[in-house]
Amino acid sequence: MAVTFGEESVSLTGRVFRHIERCILEGEYPSGSALTEHRISQEVGVSRTPVREALFQLEQEGLVRLIPNKGAVVVGISEKDIDDIYTIRVMIEGLASRWAAERITPEELDKLTEIIDLQRFYVERGDTVQGWNLDSTFHSLLYDACRSNPLSNTLKTFHNYVRKARESSFKAFDRARIATDEHEQILNAIRAHDGELAEKLTAEHIVNAKANLIRSLREQK
């Protein structure tokens, strides 16, 4: 019974963690707002223990700051964090594509091809929401295809943390169409098992995405 209880506790903590993380990253809990165990436990419908554990994990992630006897304050993702994340992605995401070119399966190639076809279909029809969702799926599948859990998990975390900013910038300056073209070029290099070219094209893709994001953020000010 003790083991089962432990598994349930971990599951509850994970559910609370994902709830708070989503609310922070999507702006429902803005930077500077206070989070109390009572408030979160009421929202999610759990006891305070998994909320306390989730808030501790979120502090380790840098998304909240715990203040003794007061609760947690949302730190969130700053523009500097976004800039840092994209800078790191430029340095390491190409490696994921290089390894994918060496390790990808035919089934994964087919799936990525399907994703790009669908992305182009929706983008050409002006549905940038679906296009953005498929953009995220493309990157997630590409990370899996590199066959490196540390690299894949790191990149998925980064991608998740900047998703709100990415969604906004994806709709601006024809980025949706350009990103789809860049994805197709990356996939062609991977299909040809040209790891060097795949790495180069991916780094350029992230540089372009970062430039578009910065431009979009400045336009919003």
Protein backbone atom coordinates (compact mmCIF):
# COMPACT_ATOMS: atom_id res chain seq x y z
CA MET A 1 0.00 0.00 0.00
CA ALA A 2 2.88 2.37 0.78
CA VAL A 3 4.24 2.02 -2.76
CA THR A 4 0.85 2.73 -4.27
CA PHE A 5 0.43 5.81 -2.10
CA GLY A 6 3.85 7.05 -3.18
CA GLU A 7 2.99 6.60 -6.85
CA GLU A 8 -0.29 8.46 -6.35
CA SER A 9 1.55 11.28 -4.58
CA VAL A 10 4.04 11.61 -7.44
CA SER A 11 1.18 11.57 -9.94
CA LEU A 12 -0.69 14.31 -8.07
CA THR A 13 2.44 16.42 -7.75
CA GLY A 14 3.08 16.06 -11.47
CA ARG A 15 -0.49 17.10 -12.28
CA VAL A 16 -0.24 20.17 -10.05
CA PHE A 17 3.19 21.02 -11.47
CA ARG A 18 1.88 20.89 -15.04
CA HIS A 19 -1.16 23.00 -14.12
CA ILE A 20 0.89 25.76 -12.50
CA GLU A 21 3.56 25.63 -15.20
CA ARG A 22 0.95 25.99 -17.94
CA CYS A 23 -0.73 28.91 -16.16
CA ILE A 24 2.63 30.68 -15.77
CA LEU A 25 3.81 30.08 -19.34
CA GLU A 26 0.48 31.10 -20.84
CA GLY A 27 0.26 34.26 -18.74
CA GLU A 28 -2.69 33.26 -16.54
CA TYR A 29 -0.37 33.71 -13.56
CA PRO A 30 1.62 36.83 -14.53
CA SER A 31 5.07 37.62 -13.16
CA GLY A 32 4.89 39.05 -9.64
CA SER A 33 1.58 37.41 -8.75
CA ALA A 34 1.33 35.51 -5.45
CA LEU A 35 0.50 31.81 -5.35
CA THR A 36 -0.70 30.26 -2.11
CA GLU A 37 -1.04 26.57 -1.37
CA HIS A 38 -4.68 27.12 -0.46
CA ARG A 39 -5.49 28.84 -3.76
CA ILE A 40 -3.83 26.17 -5.89
CA SER A 41 -5.28 23.26 -3.90
CA GLN A 42 -8.76 24.74 -4.41
CA GLU A 43 -8.18 25.22 -8.15
CA VAL A 44 -6.82 21.73 -8.80
CA GLY A 45 -8.85 19.88 -6.18
CA VAL A 46 -6.00 18.30 -4.24
CA SER A 47 -4.53 18.59 -0.76
CA ARG A 48 -1.78 21.08 0.04
CA THR A 49 1.00 18.47 0.11
CA PRO A 50 1.29 17.92 -3.68
CA VAL A 51 0.90 21.68 -4.17
CA ARG A 52 3.83 22.31 -1.82
CA GLU A 53 5.93 19.72 -3.65
CA ALA A 54 5.01 21.16 -7.05
CA LEU A 55 5.90 24.69 -5.98
CA PHE A 56 9.27 23.46 -4.75
CA GLN A 57 9.92 21.85 -8.14
CA LEU A 58 8.87 25.04 -9.91
CA GLU A 59 11.35 27.00 -7.80
CA GLN A 60 14.07 24.63 -9.01
CA GLU A 61 12.94 25.39 -12.57
CA GLY A 62 13.19 29.12 -11.86
CA LEU A 63 9.50 29.82 -12.52
CA VAL A 64 8.58 30.79 -8.95
CA ARG A 65 10.36 32.10 -5.87
CA LEU A 66 9.37 30.70 -2.48
CA ILE A 67 9.15 33.22 0.36
CA PRO A 68 9.15 31.75 3.89
CA ASN A 69 5.81 32.07 5.69
CA LYS A 70 4.27 33.87 2.70
CA GLY A 71 4.06 31.47 -0.23
CA ALA A 72 5.31 31.66 -3.79
CA VAL A 73 5.73 34.53 -6.22
CA VAL A 74 5.68 33.96 -9.95
CA VAL A 75 8.98 34.76 -11.66
CA GLY A 76 7.98 33.54 -15.10
CA ILE A 77 10.01 33.79 -18.30
CA SER A 78 11.66 37.13 -18.97
CA GLU A 79 12.77 38.50 -22.34
CA LYS A 80 16.35 37.78 -21.30
CA ASP A 81 15.36 34.16 -20.55
CA ILE A 82 13.85 33.91 -24.03
CA ASP A 83 16.98 35.38 -25.58
CA ASP A 84 19.17 32.96 -23.62
CA ILE A 85 17.01 29.98 -24.59
CA TYR A 86 17.23 30.80 -28.28
CA THR A 87 20.98 31.37 -28.04
CA ILE A 88 21.41 27.94 -26.45
CA ARG A 89 19.08 26.36 -29.02
CA VAL A 90 21.22 27.79 -31.83
CA MET A 91 24.20 26.03 -30.28
CA ILE A 92 22.68 22.61 -29.60
CA GLU A 93 19.56 22.03 -31.69
CA GLY A 94 21.63 21.47 -34.83
CA LEU A 95 23.23 18.52 -33.03
CA ALA A 96 19.79 16.94 -32.67
CA SER A 97 19.29 17.20 -36.42
CA ARG A 98 22.77 15.81 -37.11
CA TRP A 99 22.07 12.80 -34.93
CA ALA A 100 18.58 12.41 -36.39
CA ALA A 101 20.14 12.21 -39.86
CA GLU A 102 22.16 9.25 -38.60
CA ARG A 103 19.51 7.51 -36.50
CA ILE A 104 16.04 8.30 -37.87
CA THR A 105 13.74 5.44 -38.90
CA PRO A 106 11.75 5.24 -42.16
CA GLU A 107 8.56 5.49 -40.10
CA GLU A 108 9.75 8.72 -38.49
CA LEU A 109 10.68 10.13 -41.88
CA ASP A 110 7.16 9.39 -43.11
CA LYS A 111 5.65 11.04 -40.03
CA LEU A 112 7.76 14.19 -40.40
CA THR A 113 6.84 14.38 -44.08
CA GLU A 114 3.17 14.14 -43.16
CA ILE A 115 3.57 16.86 -40.53
CA ILE A 116 5.16 19.25 -43.03
CA ASP A 117 2.47 18.54 -45.63
CA LEU A 118 -0.23 19.30 -43.06
CA GLN A 119 1.61 22.39 -41.83
CA ARG A 120 1.80 23.76 -45.37
CA PHE A 121 -1.88 22.93 -45.93
CA TYR A 122 -3.02 24.93 -42.90
CA VAL A 123 -0.55 27.80 -43.29
CA GLU A 124 -1.57 28.37 -46.91
CA ARG A 125 -5.16 28.64 -45.72
CA GLY A 126 -4.28 31.17 -43.07
CA ASP A 127 -4.78 28.83 -40.11
CA THR A 128 -1.67 29.79 -38.16
CA VAL A 129 -2.95 28.14 -34.96
CA GLN A 130 -2.92 24.69 -36.55
CA GLY A 131 0.31 25.59 -38.32
CA TRP A 132 1.93 26.51 -35.02
CA ASN A 133 0.73 23.30 -33.37
CA LEU A 134 2.23 21.28 -36.23
CA ASP A 135 5.43 23.32 -36.01
CA SER A 136 5.75 22.24 -32.37
CA THR A 137 5.02 18.62 -33.32
CA PHE A 138 7.72 18.70 -36.00
CA HIS A 139 10.35 19.80 -33.49
CA SER A 140 9.22 17.26 -30.89
CA LEU A 141 9.43 14.38 -33.37
CA LEU A 142 12.82 15.59 -34.57
CA TYR A 143 14.12 15.62 -30.99
CA ASP A 144 12.89 12.05 -30.49
CA ALA A 145 14.62 10.95 -33.70
CA CYS A 146 18.03 12.08 -32.41
CA ARG A 147 17.91 9.16 -29.94
CA SER A 148 19.41 11.12 -27.06
CA ASN A 149 17.22 11.50 -23.99
CA PRO A 150 19.34 14.27 -22.38
CA LEU A 151 19.37 16.35 -25.57
CA SER A 152 15.72 15.68 -26.39
CA ASN A 153 14.49 16.51 -22.88
CA THR A 154 16.54 19.72 -22.74
CA LEU A 155 15.22 20.95 -26.08
CA LYS A 156 11.61 20.01 -25.28
CA THR A 157 11.84 21.98 -22.02
CA PHE A 158 13.20 25.03 -23.84
CA HIS A 159 10.54 24.74 -26.52
CA ASN A 160 7.83 24.54 -23.89
CA TYR A 161 9.09 27.55 -21.95
CA VAL A 162 9.00 29.88 -24.96
CA ARG A 163 5.78 28.54 -26.47
CA LYS A 164 3.69 31.64 -25.78
CA ALA A 165 6.28 33.92 -27.33
CA ARG A 166 6.69 31.47 -30.22
CA GLU A 167 2.95 31.37 -30.86
CA SER A 168 2.78 35.15 -31.10
CA SER A 169 5.82 35.52 -33.37
CA PHE A 170 4.79 32.58 -35.56
CA LYS A 171 1.83 34.64 -36.79
CA ALA A 172 3.97 37.67 -37.65
CA PHE A 173 5.94 38.69 -40.73
CA ASP A 174 5.06 35.59 -42.79
CA ARG A 175 7.03 33.44 -40.33
CA ALA A 176 4.55 30.54 -40.61
CA ARG A 177 5.24 30.02 -44.31
CA ILE A 178 8.99 30.62 -43.99
CA ALA A 179 9.26 28.17 -41.08
CA THR A 180 7.47 25.51 -43.11
CA ASP A 181 9.94 25.97 -45.98
CA GLU A 182 12.85 25.73 -43.54
CA HIS A 183 11.43 22.56 -41.99
CA GLU A 184 11.22 20.98 -45.42
CA GLN A 185 14.85 21.82 -46.18
CA ILE A 186 15.94 20.33 -42.84
CA LEU A 187 13.93 17.19 -43.49
CA ASN A 188 15.41 16.79 -46.98
CA ALA A 189 18.90 16.91 -45.47
CA ILE A 190 17.93 14.35 -42.82
CA ARG A 191 16.35 12.10 -45.46
CA ALA A 192 19.62 12.25 -47.38
CA HIS A 193 21.45 11.37 -44.13
CA ASP A 194 23.51 14.53 -44.53
CA GLY A 195 24.11 15.35 -40.88
CA GLU A 196 26.38 18.30 -41.54
CA LEU A 197 23.82 20.05 -43.75
CA ALA A 198 20.96 19.19 -41.38
CA GLU A 199 22.89 20.75 -38.50
CA LYS A 200 23.68 23.89 -40.51
CA LEU A 201 20.09 24.35 -41.73
CA THR A 202 18.69 23.83 -38.22
CA ALA A 203 21.02 26.42 -36.70
CA GLU A 204 19.97 28.89 -39.41
CA HIS A 205 16.31 28.04 -38.72
CA ILE A 206 16.69 28.89 -35.02
CA VAL A 207 18.62 32.10 -35.81
CA ASN A 208 15.79 33.18 -38.13
CA ALA A 209 13.13 32.25 -35.57
CA LYS A 210 14.95 34.24 -32.89
CA ALA A 211 15.24 37.31 -35.13
CA ASN A 212 11.54 37.11 -35.94
CA LEU A 213 10.65 36.71 -32.27
CA ILE A 214 12.73 39.72 -31.21
CA ARG A 215 11.15 41.80 -33.96
CA SER A 216 7.68 40.67 -32.86
CA LEU A 217 8.36 41.49 -29.19
CA ARG A 218 9.58 44.97 -30.12
CA GLU A 219 6.49 45.58 -32.25
CA GLN A 220 4.29 44.75 -29.25
CA LYS A 221 5.92 47.38 -27.01
